[in-house]
N, C-alpha and C. Protein backbone atom coordinates (compact mmCIF):
# COMPACT_ATOMS: atom_id res chain seq x y z
N MET A 1 0.68 -1.09 -0.30
CA MET A 1 0.07 -0.66 -0.29
C MET A 1 0.93 1.24 -0.12
N THR A 2 0.43 2.65 -0.82
CA THR A 2 1.19 3.73 -0.88
C THR A 2 0.33 3.88 -0.29
N ILE A 3 1.08 5.08 0.63
CA ILE A 3 0.41 6.09 1.31
C ILE A 3 0.53 7.61 0.98
N ASN A 4 0.53 7.81 0.22
CA ASN A 4 -0.21 9.19 -0.46
C ASN A 4 -0.24 10.54 -0.15
N ASN A 5 0.61 11.91 -1.28
CA ASN A 5 0.77 12.70 -0.23
C ASN A 5 0.16 13.59 0.08
N GLU A 6 -2.05 13.37 -0.88
CA GLU A 6 -2.82 13.96 -0.29
C GLU A 6 -2.96 13.41 1.05
N LYS A 7 -2.78 12.22 0.86
CA LYS A 7 -3.24 11.88 2.74
C LYS A 7 -2.17 11.89 3.49
N LEU A 8 -0.83 12.55 3.46
CA LEU A 8 -0.46 13.27 4.32
C LEU A 8 0.18 14.60 4.45
N TYR A 9 -0.90 15.52 3.72
CA TYR A 9 -1.53 16.66 3.25
C TYR A 9 -2.86 16.45 5.06
N PHE A 10 -3.31 15.65 4.05
CA PHE A 10 -4.49 15.87 5.21
C PHE A 10 -4.72 15.34 6.81
N TYR A 11 -3.41 14.16 7.07
CA TYR A 11 -2.84 14.63 8.38
C TYR A 11 -1.79 16.17 8.78
N TYR A 12 -0.97 16.75 8.21
CA TYR A 12 -0.68 17.27 8.35
C TYR A 12 -1.33 19.06 9.06
N ILE A 13 -2.32 19.14 7.49
CA ILE A 13 -3.37 20.02 8.35
C ILE A 13 -3.80 19.87 9.52
N SER A 14 -4.55 18.47 9.78
CA SER A 14 -5.96 18.13 10.30
C SER A 14 -5.19 17.77 11.87
N LEU A 15 -3.84 18.08 12.25
CA LEU A 15 -2.41 17.66 13.63
C LEU A 15 -2.48 19.84 13.37
N LYS A 16 -2.09 20.25 12.28
CA LYS A 16 -1.61 21.42 13.10
C LYS A 16 -3.02 21.73 13.24
N THR A 17 -4.45 21.42 12.97
CA THR A 17 -5.06 22.52 13.64
C THR A 17 -6.47 21.41 15.34
N ASN A 18 -5.65 20.89 15.21
CA ASN A 18 -5.81 19.69 15.47
C ASN A 18 -7.31 19.55 15.35
N PHE A 19 -7.61 19.50 13.97
CA PHE A 19 -9.24 18.21 13.29
C PHE A 19 -9.08 17.73 13.83
N ILE A 20 -8.11 16.31 13.81
CA ILE A 20 -7.81 14.68 14.48
C ILE A 20 -7.39 15.11 15.58
N SER A 21 -7.31 13.97 16.13
CA SER A 21 -6.09 13.60 17.68
C SER A 21 -4.92 13.07 17.17
N HIS A 22 -3.59 13.20 17.85
CA HIS A 22 -2.42 13.20 18.10
C HIS A 22 -2.85 11.66 17.90
N ASP A 23 -3.65 10.66 18.88
CA ASP A 23 -4.00 9.56 18.97
C ASP A 23 -4.70 8.38 18.08
N ASP A 24 -5.15 10.01 17.23
CA ASP A 24 -5.61 9.02 15.87
C ASP A 24 -4.92 9.00 15.19
N TYR A 25 -4.20 9.91 14.81
CA TYR A 25 -3.14 10.32 13.90
C TYR A 25 -1.90 8.30 14.32
N LYS A 26 -1.83 9.08 15.40
CA LYS A 26 -0.79 7.88 15.97
C LYS A 26 -1.77 6.86 14.99
N ILE A 27 -2.38 5.87 15.38
CA ILE A 27 -2.91 4.45 15.20
C ILE A 27 -3.44 4.44 13.27
N TRP A 28 -3.73 4.95 12.74
CA TRP A 28 -3.27 5.52 11.42
C TRP A 28 -1.76 5.15 11.02
N LEU A 29 -1.25 5.70 11.21
CA LEU A 29 0.30 5.61 10.59
C LEU A 29 0.87 4.54 11.57
N HIS A 30 0.61 4.28 12.41
CA HIS A 30 1.08 2.48 12.96
C HIS A 30 0.64 1.62 12.21
N LYS A 31 -0.74 1.73 11.58
CA LYS A 31 -1.07 0.27 11.05
C LYS A 31 -0.65 0.57 9.65
N ASN A 32 -0.25 1.90 9.24
CA ASN A 32 0.14 1.53 7.82
C ASN A 32 1.64 1.38 7.43
N PHE A 33 2.04 1.52 9.19
CA PHE A 33 3.29 1.99 8.74
C PHE A 33 4.30 0.64 8.51
N LEU A 34 4.27 -0.76 8.33
CA LEU A 34 4.55 -2.12 8.23
C LEU A 34 4.27 -2.15 6.72
N ILE A 35 3.03 -1.91 6.70
CA ILE A 35 2.23 -1.78 4.68
C ILE A 35 3.36 -0.91 4.13
N ALA A 36 3.19 0.13 4.28
CA ALA A 36 3.85 1.05 3.77
C ALA A 36 4.49 1.11 2.60
N GLU A 37 4.25 1.48 1.18
CA GLU A 37 5.32 0.98 0.28
C GLU A 37 5.79 2.81 -0.50
N THR A 38 7.05 3.42 -0.06
CA THR A 38 7.57 5.06 -0.80
C THR A 38 8.31 4.96 -1.16
N GLU A 39 8.70 5.58 -2.28
CA GLU A 39 10.18 5.67 -3.01
C GLU A 39 10.88 6.51 -1.75
N ASN A 40 10.64 6.69 -0.30
CA ASN A 40 11.70 7.48 0.35
C ASN A 40 11.68 8.07 1.75
N ASN A 41 11.84 7.85 2.68
CA ASN A 41 11.92 7.65 3.88
C ASN A 41 11.15 8.19 5.07
N ILE A 42 9.87 8.69 4.32
CA ILE A 42 9.02 9.91 5.15
C ILE A 42 8.40 8.92 5.35
N VAL A 43 8.11 7.38 5.99
CA VAL A 43 7.25 6.96 6.58
C VAL A 43 8.06 6.66 8.13
N PHE A 44 9.29 6.03 7.68
CA PHE A 44 10.06 6.26 8.97
C PHE A 44 10.44 7.52 9.46
N GLU A 45 10.12 8.25 8.23
CA GLU A 45 10.55 9.70 9.76
C GLU A 45 9.52 10.05 10.62
N LEU A 46 7.98 9.78 9.85
CA LEU A 46 7.29 10.15 10.70
C LEU A 46 6.55 9.18 11.87
N GLU A 47 7.40 7.72 11.34
CA GLU A 47 7.50 7.01 12.70
C GLU A 47 8.46 7.19 14.16
N TRP A 48 9.51 8.20 13.88
CA TRP A 48 10.14 7.88 14.93
C TRP A 48 9.67 9.22 15.42
N CYS A 49 9.32 10.13 14.96
CA CYS A 49 8.67 11.67 15.33
C CYS A 49 7.03 11.45 15.95
N SER A 50 6.21 10.05 15.84
CA SER A 50 4.85 9.88 15.71
C SER A 50 4.85 10.54 17.36
N GLU A 51 5.53 10.59 18.40
CA GLU A 51 5.50 10.97 20.02
C GLU A 51 5.13 12.50 20.00
N ASN A 52 6.28 13.32 19.32
CA ASN A 52 6.05 15.09 19.41
C ASN A 52 5.38 15.30 18.04
N ILE A 53 3.91 16.09 18.11
CA ILE A 53 3.34 16.18 17.15
C ILE A 53 3.67 17.67 16.81
N ASP A 54 4.89 17.98 17.22
CA ASP A 54 5.01 19.80 17.10
C ASP A 54 6.02 19.03 15.89
N LYS A 55 7.13 17.80 16.17
CA LYS A 55 8.03 17.43 15.33
C LYS A 55 7.31 17.02 14.04
N THR A 56 6.10 16.42 14.43
CA THR A 56 5.24 15.40 12.98
C THR A 56 5.02 16.79 12.82
N VAL A 57 4.21 18.00 13.16
CA VAL A 57 4.26 18.97 12.10
C VAL A 57 5.22 19.40 10.87
N ASP A 58 5.93 19.47 11.84
CA ASP A 58 7.29 19.90 11.24
C ASP A 58 7.74 18.65 9.91
N THR A 59 7.61 17.88 10.39
CA THR A 59 8.06 17.10 9.39
C THR A 59 7.23 16.99 7.84
N LEU A 60 5.90 16.97 7.80
CA LEU A 60 5.06 16.93 6.77
C LEU A 60 5.18 17.97 6.56
N TYR A 61 5.46 19.04 6.55
CA TYR A 61 5.26 20.17 6.20
C TYR A 61 6.54 20.36 5.15
N SER A 62 7.33 19.84 5.84
CA SER A 62 9.08 20.30 5.20
C SER A 62 9.28 19.47 3.91
N TYR A 63 8.12 17.62 4.54
CA TYR A 63 8.37 17.21 3.44
C TYR A 63 7.12 17.63 1.90
N LEU A 64 6.28 18.09 2.43
CA LEU A 64 5.59 18.64 1.40
C LEU A 64 5.58 19.67 0.73
N TYR A 65 6.03 20.39 1.36
CA TYR A 65 6.35 21.66 1.00
C TYR A 65 6.35 21.96 -0.37
N ASP A 66 7.49 20.87 -1.07
CA ASP A 66 7.38 21.72 -2.51
C ASP A 66 6.53 20.63 -4.02
N LYS A 67 5.92 19.62 -3.13
CA LYS A 67 4.81 19.05 -3.56
C LYS A 67 3.28 19.38 -3.44
N ILE A 68 3.34 20.59 -2.82
CA ILE A 68 1.58 21.27 -2.66
C ILE A 68 0.81 21.12 -3.77
N SER A 69 1.51 22.37 -5.38
CA SER A 69 0.60 22.27 -6.05
C SER A 69 0.59 20.92 -6.55
N PHE A 70 1.06 19.83 -6.55
CA PHE A 70 0.53 18.83 -7.26
C PHE A 70 -0.11 18.05 -6.75
N LEU A 71 -0.91 18.35 -5.24
CA LEU A 71 -2.12 18.26 -4.71
C LEU A 71 -2.69 17.91 -5.55
N ASP A 72 -3.84 16.56 -5.29
CA ASP A 72 -5.15 16.46 -5.72
C ASP A 72 -6.49 16.98 -4.37
N PHE A 73 -6.66 18.79 -4.95
CA PHE A 73 -7.31 18.64 -3.69
C PHE A 73 -8.64 18.21 -3.68
N GLN A 74 -9.18 17.95 -4.56
CA GLN A 74 -10.47 17.81 -4.90
C GLN A 74 -10.57 15.73 -3.64
N PHE A 75 -9.38 14.90 -3.78
CA PHE A 75 -9.12 14.12 -2.88
C PHE A 75 -8.97 14.31 -1.51
N ILE A 76 -7.73 15.47 -0.75
CA ILE A 76 -8.14 15.84 -0.13
C ILE A 76 -9.20 16.32 0.75
N GLY A 77 -10.39 17.30 -0.33
CA GLY A 77 -11.43 17.46 0.48
C GLY A 77 -12.32 16.41 0.89
N LYS A 78 -12.30 15.53 -0.12
CA LYS A 78 -13.35 14.21 0.68
C LYS A 78 -12.82 13.86 1.73
N LEU A 79 -11.33 13.80 2.18
CA LEU A 79 -10.34 13.14 3.10
C LEU A 79 -11.10 14.10 4.61
N ILE A 80 -11.91 15.67 4.42
CA ILE A 80 -12.02 16.50 5.67
C ILE A 80 -13.39 16.68 5.40
N ILE A 81 -14.45 16.19 4.24
CA ILE A 81 -15.96 15.77 4.80
C ILE A 81 -15.68 14.85 4.97
N ASN A 82 -15.24 13.48 4.58
CA ASN A 82 -15.65 12.48 5.51
C ASN A 82 -15.03 12.61 7.00
N GLU A 83 -14.38 13.14 7.07
CA GLU A 83 -13.66 13.34 8.69
C GLU A 83 -14.75 14.11 8.88
N LEU A 84 -14.91 15.00 8.87
CA LEU A 84 -16.30 16.16 9.17
C LEU A 84 -17.24 15.13 9.63
N ARG A 85 -17.77 14.76 8.42
CA ARG A 85 -19.02 14.00 8.73
C ARG A 85 -19.14 13.12 9.81
N LYS A 86 -17.96 12.47 10.03
CA LYS A 86 -17.24 10.83 11.19
C LYS A 86 -17.88 12.13 12.04
N LYS A 87 -17.20 13.33 12.11
CA LYS A 87 -17.44 14.29 13.59
C LYS A 87 -18.73 14.41 14.24
N TYR A 88 -19.04 14.77 13.24
CA TYR A 88 -20.39 15.10 13.62
C TYR A 88 -21.57 14.52 13.69
N ASN A 89 -21.71 13.06 12.81
CA ASN A 89 -22.51 12.09 13.69
C ASN A 89 -21.86 11.49 14.61
N GLU A 90 -20.68 11.61 15.45
CA GLU A 90 -20.41 10.99 16.43
C GLU A 90 -20.06 12.07 17.90
N ASN A 91 -21.10 13.16 17.47
CA ASN A 91 -20.62 14.42 19.05
C ASN A 91 -21.16 15.87 17.69
N PRO A 92 -22.48 15.57 17.75
CA PRO A 92 -23.15 17.07 17.06
C PRO A 92 -22.98 18.20 17.75
N GLY A 93 -22.88 17.81 19.43
CA GLY A 93 -22.93 19.22 20.16
C GLY A 93 -21.58 19.58 20.34
N CYS A 94 -20.70 19.40 19.15
CA CYS A 94 -19.06 20.04 19.04
C CYS A 94 -19.31 20.31 18.40
N LEU A 95 -20.38 21.47 17.51
CA LEU A 95 -20.06 21.68 16.31
C LEU A 95 -20.08 23.05 16.30
N ARG A 96 -19.78 23.95 17.34
CA ARG A 96 -19.15 25.19 16.75
C ARG A 96 -17.46 25.00 16.71
N GLU A 97 -17.03 24.20 17.89
CA GLU A 97 -15.14 23.94 17.71
C GLU A 97 -15.00 23.70 16.94
N THR A 98 -15.95 22.63 15.81
CA THR A 98 -15.80 22.23 15.00
C THR A 98 -15.32 23.34 13.57
N THR A 99 -16.42 23.57 13.56
CA THR A 99 -16.33 24.93 12.12
C THR A 99 -15.50 26.42 12.29
N TYR A 100 -14.95 25.77 13.76
CA TYR A 100 -13.70 26.77 14.15
C TYR A 100 -12.42 26.39 13.89
N LYS A 101 -12.56 24.92 13.40
CA LYS A 101 -11.54 23.98 13.11
C LYS A 101 -11.14 24.17 11.39
N LEU A 102 -12.40 23.49 10.97
CA LEU A 102 -12.49 24.41 9.28
C LEU A 102 -12.06 25.80 9.00
N TYR A 103 -12.25 26.43 10.00
CA TYR A 103 -11.54 27.52 9.54
C TYR A 103 -10.39 28.02 9.77
N GLN A 104 -9.51 27.25 10.65
CA GLN A 104 -8.02 27.13 10.80
C GLN A 104 -7.75 26.44 9.33
N ILE A 105 -8.25 25.76 9.27
CA ILE A 105 -8.23 24.88 7.88
C ILE A 105 -7.82 25.64 6.46
N TRP A 106 -8.99 25.85 6.47
CA TRP A 106 -9.18 26.97 5.73
C TRP A 106 -8.25 28.23 4.96
N CYS A 107 -7.47 28.50 6.51
CA CYS A 107 -6.20 29.52 6.78
C CYS A 107 -5.16 28.54 6.35
N LEU A 108 -4.84 27.61 6.18
CA LEU A 108 -3.71 26.88 5.85
C LEU A 108 -3.32 25.92 4.39
N LEU A 109 -4.45 26.46 3.54
CA LEU A 109 -5.45 26.36 2.47
C LEU A 109 -4.37 27.18 1.41
N PRO A 110 -3.23 26.80 0.66
CA PRO A 110 -2.86 27.47 -1.03
C PRO A 110 -3.90 28.43 -0.49
N ARG A 111 -4.04 29.67 -1.42
CA ARG A 111 -4.86 30.74 -2.04
C ARG A 111 -6.04 30.50 -3.24
N ASN A 112 -5.19 29.88 -3.92
CA ASN A 112 -6.31 29.18 -4.89
C ASN A 112 -7.02 28.19 -4.53
N ILE A 113 -6.81 27.66 -3.77
CA ILE A 113 -7.71 26.26 -3.60
C ILE A 113 -8.68 27.16 -2.72
N ALA A 114 -8.61 27.80 -1.08
CA ALA A 114 -9.14 28.24 -0.62
C ALA A 114 -9.72 29.37 -1.21
N GLU A 115 -10.25 29.45 -2.27
CA GLU A 115 -11.14 29.92 -3.07
C GLU A 115 -12.22 29.42 -3.82
N LYS A 116 -12.14 28.17 -3.48
CA LYS A 116 -12.91 27.33 -4.47
C LYS A 116 -14.10 26.55 -3.74
N GLU A 117 -14.68 25.76 -3.77
CA GLU A 117 -15.74 25.21 -3.19
C GLU A 117 -15.04 23.56 -3.29
N PRO A 118 -15.10 23.15 -2.06
CA PRO A 118 -16.11 23.86 -0.59
C PRO A 118 -15.16 24.60 -0.03
N PHE A 119 -14.06 24.23 0.19
CA PHE A 119 -13.03 24.65 0.22
C PHE A 119 -13.53 26.58 0.88
N LEU A 120 -14.11 26.75 0.11
CA LEU A 120 -14.33 28.68 0.29
C LEU A 120 -15.59 28.71 1.83
N THR A 121 -16.53 27.36 1.73
CA THR A 121 -17.04 27.19 2.89
C THR A 121 -17.20 27.23 3.90
N PHE A 122 -14.95 26.63 4.28
CA PHE A 122 -14.58 26.51 5.09
C PHE A 122 -14.76 27.73 5.93
N ASN A 123 -14.35 29.00 5.45
CA ASN A 123 -14.25 30.02 6.24
C ASN A 123 -15.31 30.33 6.44
N SER A 124 -16.61 30.89 5.67
CA SER A 124 -17.52 31.32 5.92
C SER A 124 -18.34 30.10 7.18
N ILE A 125 -18.52 29.48 7.39
CA ILE A 125 -19.17 28.71 7.91
C ILE A 125 -18.89 28.98 9.33
N ASP A 126 -17.83 29.36 10.15
CA ASP A 126 -17.77 29.43 11.31
C ASP A 126 -18.64 31.14 11.36
N ASP A 127 -18.43 31.91 10.69
CA ASP A 127 -19.12 32.96 10.70
C ASP A 127 -20.26 33.05 11.32
N SER A 128 -21.15 32.39 10.45
CA SER A 128 -22.49 32.07 10.15
C SER A 128 -23.19 32.26 11.74
N TRP A 129 -22.46 31.54 12.52
CA TRP A 129 -23.00 32.05 14.03
C TRP A 129 -22.96 33.25 14.51
N ALA A 130 -22.39 34.15 14.06
CA ALA A 130 -22.68 35.18 14.53
C ALA A 130 -23.91 36.27 13.61
N TRP A 131 -23.62 35.94 12.05
CA TRP A 131 -24.59 36.33 11.64
C TRP A 131 -26.00 35.91 11.19
N ASN A 132 -26.30 34.30 11.05
CA ASN A 132 -27.54 33.49 11.16
C ASN A 132 -27.49 32.38 12.13
N GLY A 133 -27.09 32.67 13.07
CA GLY A 133 -26.89 30.93 13.99
C GLY A 133 -27.36 30.14 13.54
N LYS A 134 -27.32 29.27 14.12
CA LYS A 134 -27.09 27.49 13.87
C LYS A 134 -27.91 27.09 12.43
N GLU A 135 -28.99 28.16 12.12
CA GLU A 135 -29.90 27.00 10.90
C GLU A 135 -29.06 27.12 9.56
N GLN A 136 -27.87 28.21 9.47
CA GLN A 136 -27.10 28.37 8.48
C GLN A 136 -26.41 27.59 8.34
N VAL A 137 -25.46 27.25 10.07
CA VAL A 137 -24.23 26.67 10.10
C VAL A 137 -24.81 25.76 9.51
N GLU A 138 -26.52 24.80 9.83
CA GLU A 138 -27.22 23.04 9.43
C GLU A 138 -26.79 23.74 8.69
N GLU A 139 -27.41 24.51 7.41
CA GLU A 139 -27.49 24.61 6.37
C GLU A 139 -26.26 24.42 4.98
N LYS A 140 -25.43 24.97 5.86
CA LYS A 140 -23.66 24.33 5.36
C LYS A 140 -23.14 23.36 5.51
N MET A 141 -23.40 23.06 6.74
CA MET A 141 -22.40 21.26 6.89
C MET A 141 -23.19 20.62 5.99
N LYS A 142 -25.34 20.85 5.59
CA LYS A 142 -25.76 19.94 4.65
C LYS A 142 -25.03 20.44 3.37
N TYR A 143 -24.60 21.43 2.91
CA TYR A 143 -23.90 21.71 1.81
C TYR A 143 -22.67 20.86 1.39
N LEU A 144 -21.56 21.20 2.43
CA LEU A 144 -20.87 20.49 2.66
C LEU A 144 -20.73 18.77 2.55
N PHE A 145 -21.53 18.33 3.15
CA PHE A 145 -21.81 16.93 3.28
C PHE A 145 -22.56 16.38 2.43
N SER A 146 -23.38 17.13 1.54
CA SER A 146 -23.42 16.78 -0.26
C SER A 146 -22.32 17.05 -1.26
N PHE A 147 -21.50 17.85 -1.01
CA PHE A 147 -20.47 18.30 -2.16
C PHE A 147 -19.99 17.08 -2.86
N TYR A 148 -19.06 16.31 -1.65
CA TYR A 148 -19.30 14.94 -2.40
C TYR A 148 -20.12 13.87 -1.94
N GLU A 149 -20.73 13.01 -3.22
CA GLU A 149 -21.43 12.37 -2.69
C GLU A 149 -21.41 11.13 -2.71
N ASP A 150 -19.85 10.44 -3.03
CA ASP A 150 -19.01 10.02 -3.25
C ASP A 150 -18.40 9.35 -1.98
N GLU A 151 -19.50 8.63 -1.12
CA GLU A 151 -18.15 8.37 0.37
C GLU A 151 -16.73 7.59 -0.46
N ILE A 152 -15.60 7.98 0.61
CA ILE A 152 -14.32 7.13 0.04
C ILE A 152 -14.14 6.01 0.57
N GLN A 153 -13.51 5.02 -0.35
CA GLN A 153 -14.30 3.01 0.42
C GLN A 153 -12.78 3.25 1.33
N GLY A 154 -12.66 2.09 1.91
CA GLY A 154 -12.17 1.82 3.34
C GLY A 154 -11.64 2.67 4.21
N ASP A 155 -10.90 2.57 4.53
CA ASP A 155 -10.23 3.40 5.71
C ASP A 155 -10.35 4.95 5.73
N GLY A 156 -9.87 5.44 4.40
CA GLY A 156 -10.13 6.78 4.27
C GLY A 156 -9.02 7.72 4.53
N CYS A 157 -8.99 7.94 5.48
CA CYS A 157 -8.47 8.86 6.66
C CYS A 157 -7.73 7.61 7.45
């Protein structure tokens, strides 16, 4: 199994914003460590620094820096929306915190990507609390959930 750069970018932005927990990341990494096939040693580096979240984020950023313009952001969007759906279904009471994390993710995206949907909604969904309340936030969540009708197969994240 190959760990693609899109999944690594998903974990970079998710760890940087606490969108996923460090423990969830480590479970994913350890599960994939033994079966990963890569053309370089990034998986080994990530395994080596997996106990230190700051070092992990720095390692991911350094590795991905010159690859960002080649990433499939539609796939990354699917990973984010899939995780968002999971979070919402498991704990809908944390909606305000989740929408703020979407905004933080939006801030980390390259500008040319951040200005396209579904990512542009990541920017406005958190503001909806102040302007129109929970109803508009729920509408935007439904929009995000419907943006990618096809679910990611397998563990996805």
